[in-house]
Amino acid sequence: MKVLNVEATPNPHALKFVVDGRVTEGGSRSFETVEAAAAHPLARALFDLGAVRTVFFMPTFVTVSKDPETDWASLQPRIEETLAGVTEAEAPASSRPASTATALTDTDRELLPRIEEVFETRVRPALAGDGGGLDIVSLENYTLTIRYQGACGSCPSSISGTLRAIEHMIRVDVDPGLTVVSV
């Protein structure tokens, strides 16, 4: 798989590697630990480089975040070499389900599809542009819990500004009583 472009993200510890093949079958896939990546050859190979903290796949890019002490000048070429050694047939990871939220009340069950629509049409595309994404963890009593992925997972702006922007969007487009928190 050839790396077409390497893009900086708002997170100084994450880079987005745009590739010429498909990395997922659609949607996204996030690996937060070496253990989570154990069954996926490409994710495991990236973690095996050392200094890699998270790996995030979208159909046409991979976002890698690193530990703050490691210099991109030494890690980036090794990431590109690892990606180049993978064929498109070896790469696809199954994508995340639409939502991992469970045990929903009737009200939550009505709100969740509207929240997912806002996320799919407005939030996730914007985050993907910066090498990241998010997943819904839960929706309970008007509190929506999300988990950032990729470059967004350890980015200071996702913890404050982006979270407030998402909450505002959800309150305006879905229900003014909703609160959004991240884990």
Protein backbone atom coordinates (compact mmCIF):
# COMPACT_ATOMS: atom_id res chain seq x y z
CA MET A 1 0.00 0.00 0.00
CA LYS A 2 1.52 3.33 -1.02
CA VAL A 3 1.40 6.42 1.20
CA LEU A 4 0.08 9.22 -0.99
CA ASN A 5 0.30 12.00 1.54
CA VAL A 6 1.18 12.60 5.18
CA GLU A 7 -0.89 15.30 6.86
CA ALA A 8 -0.34 17.10 10.13
CA THR A 9 -3.30 17.12 12.50
CA PRO A 10 -4.26 19.62 15.21
CA ASN A 11 -2.72 17.09 17.61
CA PRO A 12 1.09 17.48 17.49
CA HIS A 13 1.47 13.82 18.48
CA ALA A 14 -0.60 12.41 15.59
CA LEU A 15 -0.11 12.19 11.83
CA LYS A 16 -2.61 11.17 9.16
CA PHE A 17 -1.25 8.84 6.45
CA VAL A 18 -3.40 8.90 3.31
CA VAL A 19 -2.95 5.67 1.33
CA ASP A 20 -3.79 4.40 -2.15
CA GLY A 21 -5.78 1.39 -0.93
CA ARG A 22 -8.60 0.57 1.47
CA VAL A 23 -7.71 0.21 5.12
CA THR A 24 -11.23 -0.64 6.34
CA GLU A 25 -14.26 -2.11 4.68
CA GLY A 26 -16.04 1.15 5.56
CA GLY A 27 -16.49 3.17 8.70
CA SER A 28 -13.66 3.32 11.19
CA ARG A 29 -11.64 1.13 13.50
CA SER A 30 -9.62 2.30 16.49
CA PHE A 31 -6.89 0.44 18.35
CA GLU A 32 -6.07 2.03 21.70
CA THR A 33 -3.66 -0.64 22.99
CA VAL A 34 -1.21 -3.26 21.78
CA GLU A 35 -3.57 -5.91 23.15
CA ALA A 36 -6.51 -4.57 21.14
CA ALA A 37 -4.35 -4.71 18.00
CA ALA A 38 -3.15 -8.28 18.57
CA ALA A 39 -5.57 -9.84 16.06
CA HIS A 40 -5.04 -7.26 13.34
CA PRO A 41 -1.71 -7.60 11.45
CA LEU A 42 -1.39 -3.97 10.27
CA ALA A 43 -2.33 -2.43 13.61
CA ARG A 44 -0.02 -4.83 15.42
CA ALA A 45 2.85 -4.05 13.03
CA LEU A 46 2.43 -0.33 13.71
CA PHE A 47 2.41 -0.84 17.49
CA ASP A 48 5.50 -3.05 17.12
CA LEU A 49 7.44 -0.01 15.87
CA GLY A 50 7.51 1.27 19.45
CA ALA A 51 6.43 4.73 20.57
CA VAL A 52 3.02 4.24 18.87
CA ARG A 53 0.17 5.02 21.29
CA THR A 54 -2.93 4.58 19.11
CA VAL A 55 -3.81 3.51 15.58
CA PHE A 56 -6.99 4.69 13.85
CA PHE A 57 -8.23 3.39 10.48
CA MET A 58 -10.67 5.00 8.08
CA PRO A 59 -11.22 3.62 4.55
CA THR A 60 -8.40 5.61 2.92
CA PHE A 61 -6.16 6.70 5.77
CA VAL A 62 -4.38 5.63 8.93
CA THR A 63 -3.82 8.01 11.83
CA VAL A 64 -1.00 7.13 14.20
CA SER A 65 -0.41 8.88 17.50
CA LYS A 66 2.93 8.62 19.26
CA ASP A 67 4.32 9.22 22.70
CA PRO A 68 5.35 12.86 23.24
CA GLU A 69 9.04 12.03 23.70
CA THR A 70 9.47 10.44 20.28
CA ASP A 71 10.47 12.57 17.31
CA TRP A 72 8.41 12.27 14.11
CA ALA A 73 11.61 12.38 12.05
CA SER A 74 12.60 8.94 13.32
CA LEU A 75 9.13 7.34 13.50
CA GLN A 76 7.42 8.61 10.32
CA PRO A 77 9.69 6.80 7.82
CA ARG A 78 9.20 3.52 9.72
CA ILE A 79 5.40 3.98 9.63
CA GLU A 80 5.52 4.66 5.89
CA GLU A 81 7.71 1.58 5.35
CA THR A 82 5.28 -0.56 7.38
CA LEU A 83 2.30 0.70 5.38
CA ALA A 84 4.18 0.13 2.10
CA GLY A 85 4.76 -3.50 3.07
CA VAL A 86 1.04 -4.25 3.36
CA THR A 87 -1.16 -5.28 0.45
CA GLU A 88 -4.70 -3.96 0.25
CA ALA A 89 -6.04 -7.50 0.72
CA GLU A 90 -4.21 -7.78 4.06
CA ALA A 91 -5.29 -4.40 5.40
CA PRO A 92 -9.09 -4.21 5.74
CA ALA A 93 -10.36 -4.14 9.29
CA SER A 94 -14.03 -4.57 9.98
CA SER A 95 -15.57 -1.25 10.90
CA ARG A 96 -17.14 -0.16 14.15
CA PRO A 97 -20.84 -0.72 14.69
CA ALA A 98 -23.04 2.35 14.27
CA SER A 99 -23.20 2.67 18.06
CA THR A 100 -22.00 0.77 21.08
CA ALA A 101 -24.66 2.33 23.34
CA THR A 102 -26.75 -0.26 25.17
CA ALA A 103 -29.67 -0.51 27.62
CA LEU A 104 -31.57 2.42 26.14
CA THR A 105 -34.76 3.92 27.52
CA ASP A 106 -37.59 4.68 25.09
CA THR A 107 -36.56 8.36 25.01
CA ASP A 108 -32.91 7.45 24.42
CA ARG A 109 -33.98 5.03 21.68
CA GLU A 110 -35.76 7.92 19.94
CA LEU A 111 -32.81 10.31 20.33
CA LEU A 112 -30.00 7.98 19.27
CA PRO A 113 -30.85 7.77 15.54
CA ARG A 114 -31.05 11.57 15.37
CA ILE A 115 -27.71 11.89 17.17
CA GLU A 116 -26.14 9.32 14.82
CA GLU A 117 -27.43 11.28 11.82
CA VAL A 118 -25.76 14.49 13.07
CA PHE A 119 -22.56 12.57 13.77
CA GLU A 120 -22.50 10.85 10.36
CA THR A 121 -23.33 13.96 8.32
CA ARG A 122 -21.50 16.70 10.22
CA VAL A 123 -19.26 15.60 13.08
CA ARG A 124 -17.42 12.49 11.87
CA PRO A 125 -16.53 13.97 8.46
CA ALA A 126 -15.06 17.05 10.16
CA LEU A 127 -13.07 14.95 12.63
CA ALA A 128 -11.88 12.62 9.84
CA GLY A 129 -10.48 15.65 8.03
CA ASP A 130 -8.18 16.07 11.03
CA GLY A 131 -7.34 12.37 11.25
CA GLY A 132 -9.81 11.43 13.96
CA GLY A 133 -13.25 10.22 14.81
CA LEU A 134 -15.55 9.36 17.67
CA ASP A 135 -17.73 6.57 18.91
CA ILE A 136 -20.83 6.68 21.09
CA VAL A 137 -20.21 4.89 24.37
CA SER A 138 -23.58 5.43 26.02
CA LEU A 139 -26.71 7.54 26.16
CA GLU A 140 -28.37 7.67 29.54
CA ASN A 141 -30.76 10.26 31.02
CA TYR A 142 -29.89 12.86 28.36
CA THR A 143 -26.14 12.40 28.89
CA LEU A 144 -24.33 11.29 25.75
CA THR A 145 -20.91 9.78 26.43
CA ILE A 146 -18.47 9.69 23.50
CA ARG A 147 -14.94 8.38 22.99
CA TYR A 148 -12.61 10.23 20.67
CA GLN A 149 -10.49 8.18 18.27
CA GLY A 150 -7.35 8.75 16.26
CA ALA A 151 -5.79 12.20 16.40
CA CYS A 152 -8.72 13.44 18.48
CA GLY A 153 -8.07 10.92 21.27
CA SER A 154 -5.20 12.80 22.83
CA CYS A 155 -5.67 16.26 21.34
CA PRO A 156 -6.09 19.10 23.85
CA SER A 157 -8.68 20.87 21.66
CA SER A 158 -10.95 17.80 21.56
CA ILE A 159 -11.22 17.84 25.34
CA SER A 160 -12.54 21.38 25.44
CA GLY A 161 -13.47 23.28 22.27
CA THR A 162 -14.46 20.38 20.05
CA LEU A 163 -16.51 18.73 22.80
CA ARG A 164 -18.42 21.96 23.43
CA ALA A 165 -19.02 22.43 19.69
CA ILE A 166 -20.39 18.89 19.40
CA GLU A 167 -22.61 19.44 22.43
CA HIS A 168 -23.94 22.69 20.96
CA MET A 169 -24.67 21.00 17.62
CA ILE A 170 -26.49 18.10 19.33
CA ARG A 171 -28.50 20.49 21.51
CA VAL A 172 -29.57 22.59 18.52
CA ASP A 173 -30.21 19.73 16.08
CA VAL A 174 -31.53 17.01 18.40
CA ASP A 175 -32.61 18.13 21.90
CA PRO A 176 -31.64 21.15 24.04
CA GLY A 177 -31.55 18.97 27.19
CA LEU A 178 -28.66 16.80 26.01
CA THR A 179 -25.23 16.95 27.63
CA VAL A 180 -22.14 15.50 25.94
CA VAL A 181 -19.16 14.13 27.88
CA SER A 182 -16.08 12.22 26.75
CA VAL A 183 -14.21 9.32 28.29
